[in-house]
Amino acid sequence: MPFHTLGMDNSCLFKNPLCFYATDILSYLQILHKNSRYEEMLPFLYEPNELKKMGKTKALKSIESMSFGYEFRRVGIKEEQKGVSWRITYQRTIFGTAETFTVNCKNISDTTRLLMNTTQRRNVFYRKMP
């Protein structure tokens, strides 16, 4: 998946899940992961309190072990609360089976974050590829 930086309007930068360098939040995280930029992924995946409780080292190891080897595409987005929270639906194919999954995003402390519990993270980020 190519990473393009289009002539972007800085007033849009990081304001919602669609303003991540002309892509969406999950695609942006995939690009960071493929380039081993794990520390830059922290604010999007962990709320400050969760990160404090977990510890930065453990969180970075968790991010490093994520599996982003699959291709996916965004198939829908619903704004839950105007300018604050969204539900984004993606579709991916793993082992020849099409799967659809939804991620919740919310602006917290000026950062759009993925809101996921342990099970959701496992289903999205820790799938074993053949």
N, C-alpha and C. Protein backbone atom coordinates (compact mmCIF):
# COMPACT_ATOMS: atom_id res chain seq x y z
N MET A 1 0.85 -1.17 0.00
CA MET A 1 0.00 0.00 0.00
C MET A 1 0.90 1.23 0.00
N PRO A 2 0.87 2.01 -1.05
CA PRO A 2 1.76 3.16 -1.14
C PRO A 2 1.36 4.26 -0.15
N PHE A 3 2.35 4.99 0.28
CA PHE A 3 2.15 6.08 1.23
C PHE A 3 2.38 7.37 0.46
N HIS A 4 1.33 8.15 0.29
CA HIS A 4 1.42 9.39 -0.46
C HIS A 4 1.20 10.56 0.49
N THR A 5 2.03 11.55 0.39
CA THR A 5 1.77 12.78 1.10
C THR A 5 1.32 13.78 0.06
N LEU A 6 0.05 14.00 0.00
CA LEU A 6 -0.52 14.94 -0.95
C LEU A 6 -0.39 16.33 -0.38
N GLY A 7 -0.58 17.32 -1.21
CA GLY A 7 -0.57 18.69 -0.71
C GLY A 7 -1.65 18.81 0.36
N MET A 8 -1.25 18.67 1.61
CA MET A 8 -2.26 18.59 2.66
C MET A 8 -2.48 19.92 3.35
N ASP A 9 -3.66 20.06 3.82
CA ASP A 9 -4.05 21.23 4.57
C ASP A 9 -3.78 20.94 6.05
N ASN A 10 -2.85 21.65 6.65
CA ASN A 10 -2.48 21.40 8.04
C ASN A 10 -3.64 21.59 9.01
N SER A 11 -4.67 22.34 8.63
CA SER A 11 -5.81 22.50 9.52
C SER A 11 -6.59 21.20 9.64
N CYS A 12 -6.42 20.27 8.68
CA CYS A 12 -7.11 18.97 8.72
C CYS A 12 -6.25 17.92 9.42
N LEU A 13 -4.96 18.12 9.47
CA LEU A 13 -4.04 17.12 9.96
C LEU A 13 -4.44 16.58 11.33
N PHE A 14 -4.70 15.29 11.42
CA PHE A 14 -5.03 14.58 12.65
C PHE A 14 -6.32 15.02 13.32
N LYS A 15 -7.24 15.66 12.61
CA LYS A 15 -8.49 16.10 13.21
C LYS A 15 -9.53 14.99 13.29
N ASN A 16 -9.46 14.01 12.38
CA ASN A 16 -10.37 12.87 12.42
C ASN A 16 -9.72 11.69 11.71
N PRO A 17 -10.32 10.51 11.74
CA PRO A 17 -9.67 9.33 11.17
C PRO A 17 -9.42 9.40 9.67
N LEU A 18 -9.96 10.38 9.00
CA LEU A 18 -9.75 10.49 7.56
C LEU A 18 -8.65 11.48 7.21
N CYS A 19 -8.03 12.08 8.17
CA CYS A 19 -7.05 13.13 7.92
C CYS A 19 -5.62 12.72 8.28
N PHE A 20 -5.30 11.44 8.16
CA PHE A 20 -3.96 10.99 8.44
C PHE A 20 -3.17 10.92 7.14
N TYR A 21 -2.60 12.04 6.72
CA TYR A 21 -1.82 12.08 5.50
C TYR A 21 -2.57 11.44 4.34
N ALA A 22 -3.80 11.87 4.11
CA ALA A 22 -4.64 11.42 3.01
C ALA A 22 -5.00 9.94 3.11
N THR A 23 -5.02 9.40 4.30
CA THR A 23 -5.41 8.02 4.53
C THR A 23 -6.19 7.97 5.84
N ASP A 24 -6.53 6.76 6.31
CA ASP A 24 -7.27 6.65 7.57
C ASP A 24 -6.37 6.12 8.68
N ILE A 25 -6.88 6.08 9.88
CA ILE A 25 -6.06 5.76 11.05
C ILE A 25 -5.42 4.38 10.97
N LEU A 26 -6.15 3.36 10.58
CA LEU A 26 -5.59 2.01 10.57
C LEU A 26 -4.55 1.86 9.45
N SER A 27 -4.80 2.46 8.31
CA SER A 27 -3.81 2.43 7.22
C SER A 27 -2.54 3.18 7.63
N TYR A 28 -2.71 4.28 8.33
CA TYR A 28 -1.57 5.05 8.82
C TYR A 28 -0.75 4.22 9.82
N LEU A 29 -1.44 3.53 10.73
CA LEU A 29 -0.73 2.68 11.69
C LEU A 29 0.00 1.54 10.99
N GLN A 30 -0.60 0.99 9.94
CA GLN A 30 0.06 -0.07 9.19
C GLN A 30 1.36 0.44 8.57
N ILE A 31 1.34 1.64 8.04
CA ILE A 31 2.54 2.24 7.45
C ILE A 31 3.61 2.44 8.52
N LEU A 32 3.22 2.97 9.67
CA LEU A 32 4.19 3.15 10.76
C LEU A 32 4.78 1.80 11.18
N HIS A 33 3.93 0.77 11.30
CA HIS A 33 4.39 -0.54 11.73
C HIS A 33 5.37 -1.14 10.71
N LYS A 34 5.05 -1.03 9.44
CA LYS A 34 5.93 -1.58 8.40
C LYS A 34 7.28 -0.89 8.39
N ASN A 35 7.34 0.33 8.89
CA ASN A 35 8.59 1.08 8.96
C ASN A 35 9.22 1.05 10.36
N SER A 36 8.73 0.14 11.21
CA SER A 36 9.24 -0.06 12.59
C SER A 36 9.23 1.22 13.41
N ARG A 37 8.24 2.04 13.21
CA ARG A 37 8.10 3.29 13.96
C ARG A 37 7.09 3.09 15.09
N TYR A 38 7.39 2.12 15.96
CA TYR A 38 6.47 1.68 16.99
C TYR A 38 6.14 2.77 18.01
N GLU A 39 7.13 3.54 18.38
CA GLU A 39 6.90 4.58 19.39
C GLU A 39 5.89 5.61 18.91
N GLU A 40 5.89 5.89 17.61
CA GLU A 40 4.94 6.85 17.05
C GLU A 40 3.51 6.29 17.06
N MET A 41 3.37 4.98 17.19
CA MET A 41 2.06 4.34 17.22
C MET A 41 1.41 4.41 18.60
N LEU A 42 2.21 4.57 19.64
CA LEU A 42 1.70 4.54 21.02
C LEU A 42 0.47 5.42 21.27
N PRO A 43 0.51 6.72 20.90
CA PRO A 43 -0.64 7.57 21.25
C PRO A 43 -1.94 7.16 20.56
N PHE A 44 -1.85 6.49 19.43
CA PHE A 44 -3.05 6.10 18.71
C PHE A 44 -3.67 4.81 19.25
N LEU A 45 -2.86 4.02 19.95
CA LEU A 45 -3.31 2.72 20.42
C LEU A 45 -3.61 2.66 21.91
N TYR A 46 -2.98 3.54 22.69
CA TYR A 46 -3.15 3.48 24.14
C TYR A 46 -3.48 4.86 24.70
N GLU A 47 -4.50 4.91 25.52
CA GLU A 47 -4.81 6.14 26.23
C GLU A 47 -3.72 6.36 27.28
N PRO A 48 -3.47 7.62 27.68
CA PRO A 48 -2.40 7.89 28.64
C PRO A 48 -2.48 7.05 29.92
N ASN A 49 -3.67 6.89 30.48
CA ASN A 49 -3.80 6.10 31.72
C ASN A 49 -3.48 4.63 31.47
N GLU A 50 -3.92 4.10 30.35
CA GLU A 50 -3.65 2.71 30.00
C GLU A 50 -2.15 2.50 29.79
N LEU A 51 -1.51 3.44 29.11
CA LEU A 51 -0.08 3.35 28.86
C LEU A 51 0.71 3.43 30.17
N LYS A 52 0.28 4.30 31.06
CA LYS A 52 0.95 4.45 32.36
C LYS A 52 0.85 3.15 33.15
N LYS A 53 -0.33 2.53 33.13
CA LYS A 53 -0.56 1.29 33.85
C LYS A 53 0.25 0.14 33.24
N MET A 54 0.28 0.07 31.91
CA MET A 54 0.94 -1.01 31.19
C MET A 54 2.46 -0.85 31.17
N GLY A 55 2.91 0.37 31.03
CA GLY A 55 4.34 0.64 30.90
C GLY A 55 4.72 0.73 29.43
N LYS A 56 5.56 1.68 29.12
CA LYS A 56 5.94 1.95 27.74
C LYS A 56 6.67 0.77 27.11
N THR A 57 7.56 0.12 27.85
CA THR A 57 8.33 -1.01 27.31
C THR A 57 7.43 -2.15 26.91
N LYS A 58 6.48 -2.50 27.76
CA LYS A 58 5.54 -3.59 27.45
C LYS A 58 4.66 -3.22 26.26
N ALA A 59 4.22 -1.98 26.21
CA ALA A 59 3.37 -1.52 25.10
C ALA A 59 4.15 -1.59 23.78
N LEU A 60 5.41 -1.17 23.79
CA LEU A 60 6.22 -1.22 22.57
C LEU A 60 6.45 -2.66 22.11
N LYS A 61 6.68 -3.57 23.04
CA LYS A 61 6.84 -4.99 22.69
C LYS A 61 5.55 -5.54 22.09
N SER A 62 4.43 -5.12 22.64
CA SER A 62 3.13 -5.55 22.13
C SER A 62 2.93 -5.05 20.70
N ILE A 63 3.26 -3.80 20.46
CA ILE A 63 3.13 -3.21 19.12
C ILE A 63 4.07 -3.92 18.14
N GLU A 64 5.28 -4.19 18.58
CA GLU A 64 6.25 -4.84 17.71
C GLU A 64 5.76 -6.22 17.25
N SER A 65 5.01 -6.91 18.10
CA SER A 65 4.54 -8.26 17.75
C SER A 65 3.24 -8.26 16.95
N MET A 66 2.70 -7.08 16.66
CA MET A 66 1.46 -7.00 15.88
C MET A 66 1.68 -7.54 14.47
N SER A 67 0.63 -8.12 13.92
CA SER A 67 0.68 -8.63 12.56
C SER A 67 -0.11 -7.70 11.66
N PHE A 68 0.59 -6.97 10.82
CA PHE A 68 -0.05 -6.06 9.87
C PHE A 68 0.22 -6.53 8.45
N GLY A 69 0.47 -7.84 8.27
CA GLY A 69 0.86 -8.36 6.97
C GLY A 69 -0.28 -8.51 5.98
N TYR A 70 -1.49 -8.28 6.40
CA TYR A 70 -2.64 -8.44 5.51
C TYR A 70 -3.01 -7.12 4.87
N GLU A 71 -3.75 -7.21 3.78
CA GLU A 71 -4.29 -6.00 3.14
C GLU A 71 -5.73 -5.83 3.58
N PHE A 72 -6.14 -4.63 3.73
CA PHE A 72 -7.51 -4.34 4.12
C PHE A 72 -7.95 -3.06 3.43
N ARG A 73 -9.23 -2.83 3.46
CA ARG A 73 -9.73 -1.57 2.91
C ARG A 73 -10.89 -1.10 3.76
N ARG A 74 -11.00 0.20 3.87
CA ARG A 74 -12.10 0.78 4.63
C ARG A 74 -13.36 0.67 3.78
N VAL A 75 -14.43 0.14 4.37
CA VAL A 75 -15.67 -0.02 3.62
C VAL A 75 -16.80 0.85 4.18
N GLY A 76 -16.59 1.47 5.31
CA GLY A 76 -17.62 2.34 5.86
C GLY A 76 -17.12 3.14 7.04
N ILE A 77 -17.77 4.27 7.26
CA ILE A 77 -17.46 5.10 8.43
C ILE A 77 -18.75 5.76 8.89
N LYS A 78 -18.93 5.77 10.18
CA LYS A 78 -20.10 6.43 10.76
C LYS A 78 -19.62 7.35 11.87
N GLU A 79 -19.98 8.60 11.78
CA GLU A 79 -19.62 9.56 12.82
C GLU A 79 -20.63 9.41 13.94
N GLU A 80 -20.17 8.94 15.08
CA GLU A 80 -21.03 8.71 16.24
C GLU A 80 -21.36 10.03 16.95
N GLN A 81 -20.33 10.82 17.18
CA GLN A 81 -20.48 12.12 17.83
C GLN A 81 -19.67 13.11 17.00
N LYS A 82 -20.31 14.12 16.49
CA LYS A 82 -19.70 15.03 15.52
C LYS A 82 -18.33 15.53 15.98
N GLY A 83 -17.31 15.21 15.18
CA GLY A 83 -15.96 15.66 15.45
C GLY A 83 -15.28 15.01 16.63
N VAL A 84 -15.92 14.00 17.24
CA VAL A 84 -15.37 13.39 18.45
C VAL A 84 -15.15 11.88 18.31
N SER A 85 -16.14 11.15 17.80
CA SER A 85 -16.01 9.70 17.75
C SER A 85 -16.59 9.12 16.46
N TRP A 86 -15.98 8.02 16.02
CA TRP A 86 -16.36 7.38 14.76
C TRP A 86 -16.30 5.87 14.91
N ARG A 87 -17.07 5.18 14.07
CA ARG A 87 -16.98 3.72 13.90
C ARG A 87 -16.55 3.50 12.46
N ILE A 88 -15.41 2.84 12.28
CA ILE A 88 -14.89 2.61 10.94
C ILE A 88 -14.92 1.11 10.67
N THR A 89 -15.50 0.73 9.55
CA THR A 89 -15.60 -0.67 9.17
C THR A 89 -14.58 -0.96 8.08
N TYR A 90 -13.86 -2.06 8.26
CA TYR A 90 -12.84 -2.51 7.32
C TYR A 90 -13.17 -3.91 6.84
N GLN A 91 -12.62 -4.26 5.68
CA GLN A 91 -12.73 -5.61 5.18
C GLN A 91 -11.32 -6.09 4.84
N ARG A 92 -11.04 -7.33 5.19
CA ARG A 92 -9.74 -7.93 4.87
C ARG A 92 -9.96 -9.38 4.47
N THR A 93 -8.98 -9.95 3.81
CA THR A 93 -9.04 -11.36 3.44
C THR A 93 -7.85 -12.06 4.08
N ILE A 94 -8.15 -13.07 4.89
CA ILE A 94 -7.12 -13.87 5.55
C ILE A 94 -7.44 -15.33 5.28
N PHE A 95 -6.44 -16.07 4.83
CA PHE A 95 -6.62 -17.49 4.52
C PHE A 95 -7.76 -17.70 3.53
N GLY A 96 -7.93 -16.79 2.58
CA GLY A 96 -8.98 -16.92 1.58
C GLY A 96 -10.38 -16.61 2.07
N THR A 97 -10.49 -16.13 3.29
CA THR A 97 -11.79 -15.81 3.87
C THR A 97 -11.90 -14.31 4.09
N ALA A 98 -12.98 -13.73 3.54
CA ALA A 98 -13.21 -12.30 3.74
C ALA A 98 -13.78 -12.08 5.14
N GLU A 99 -13.22 -11.14 5.83
CA GLU A 99 -13.68 -10.77 7.17
C GLU A 99 -13.97 -9.29 7.21
N THR A 100 -14.95 -8.94 7.98
CA THR A 100 -15.27 -7.54 8.21
C THR A 100 -15.09 -7.27 9.70
N PHE A 101 -14.49 -6.16 10.03
CA PHE A 101 -14.34 -5.78 11.44
C PHE A 101 -14.52 -4.28 11.57
N THR A 102 -14.88 -3.86 12.75
CA THR A 102 -15.13 -2.45 13.03
C THR A 102 -14.22 -1.99 14.15
N VAL A 103 -13.68 -0.79 14.00
CA VAL A 103 -12.89 -0.18 15.06
C VAL A 103 -13.57 1.12 15.47
N ASN A 104 -13.49 1.41 16.75
CA ASN A 104 -14.02 2.66 17.27
C ASN A 104 -12.86 3.62 17.51
N CYS A 105 -13.06 4.86 17.12
CA CYS A 105 -12.05 5.90 17.29
C CYS A 105 -12.68 7.06 18.04
N LYS A 106 -11.84 7.71 18.81
CA LYS A 106 -12.34 8.87 19.55
C LYS A 106 -11.20 9.87 19.74
N ASN A 107 -11.51 11.14 19.64
CA ASN A 107 -10.54 12.18 19.93
C ASN A 107 -10.43 12.31 21.45
N ILE A 108 -9.25 12.04 21.97
CA ILE A 108 -8.97 12.16 23.40
C ILE A 108 -7.66 12.91 23.53
N SER A 109 -7.67 13.99 24.26
CA SER A 109 -6.47 14.82 24.45
C SER A 109 -5.82 15.18 23.13
N ASP A 110 -6.63 15.66 22.19
CA ASP A 110 -6.16 16.14 20.88
C ASP A 110 -5.54 15.06 20.00
N THR A 111 -5.79 13.78 20.29
CA THR A 111 -5.30 12.69 19.46
C THR A 111 -6.45 11.74 19.17
N THR A 112 -6.60 11.34 17.91
CA THR A 112 -7.61 10.35 17.57
C THR A 112 -7.04 8.99 17.92
N ARG A 113 -7.72 8.28 18.81
CA ARG A 113 -7.22 7.00 19.31
C ARG A 113 -8.18 5.88 18.95
N LEU A 114 -7.60 4.68 18.74
CA LEU A 114 -8.41 3.48 18.58
C LEU A 114 -8.84 3.05 19.97
N LEU A 115 -10.12 2.85 20.17
CA LEU A 115 -10.63 2.38 21.45
C LEU A 115 -10.90 0.89 21.32
N MET A 116 -10.04 0.07 21.89
CA MET A 116 -10.16 -1.37 21.74
C MET A 116 -9.88 -2.07 23.06
N ASN A 117 -10.67 -3.11 23.33
CA ASN A 117 -10.34 -3.95 24.47
C ASN A 117 -9.36 -5.03 24.01
N THR A 118 -8.92 -5.88 24.91
CA THR A 118 -7.91 -6.90 24.59
C THR A 118 -8.37 -7.82 23.47
N THR A 119 -9.62 -8.26 23.51
CA THR A 119 -10.14 -9.17 22.48
C THR A 119 -10.15 -8.51 21.11
N GLN A 120 -10.59 -7.26 21.04
CA GLN A 120 -10.61 -6.55 19.77
C GLN A 120 -9.19 -6.38 19.22
N ARG A 121 -8.25 -6.03 20.08
CA ARG A 121 -6.86 -5.87 19.63
C ARG A 121 -6.33 -7.19 19.08
N ARG A 122 -6.61 -8.29 19.78
CA ARG A 122 -6.14 -9.60 19.33
C ARG A 122 -6.72 -9.94 17.96
N ASN A 123 -8.01 -9.69 17.76
CA ASN A 123 -8.66 -10.01 16.49
C ASN A 123 -8.16 -9.16 15.33
N VAL A 124 -7.80 -7.93 15.59
CA VAL A 124 -7.36 -7.04 14.53
C VAL A 124 -5.85 -7.12 14.30
N PHE A 125 -5.07 -7.14 15.37
CA PHE A 125 -3.63 -6.98 15.23
C PHE A 125 -2.78 -8.24 15.42
N TYR A 126 -3.32 -9.30 15.92
CA TYR A 126 -2.49 -10.46 16.24
C TYR A 126 -2.92 -11.71 15.49
N ARG A 127 -3.36 -11.56 14.25
CA ARG A 127 -3.75 -12.70 13.42
C ARG A 127 -2.49 -13.30 12.81
N LYS A 128 -2.36 -14.60 12.87
CA LYS A 128 -1.20 -15.28 12.29
C LYS A 128 -1.44 -15.47 10.80
N MET A 129 -0.46 -15.09 10.00
CA MET A 129 -0.55 -15.25 8.55
C MET A 129 0.21 -16.50 8.15
N PRO A 130 -0.21 -17.14 7.04
CA PRO A 130 0.49 -18.35 6.60
C PRO A 130 1.90 -18.04 6.13
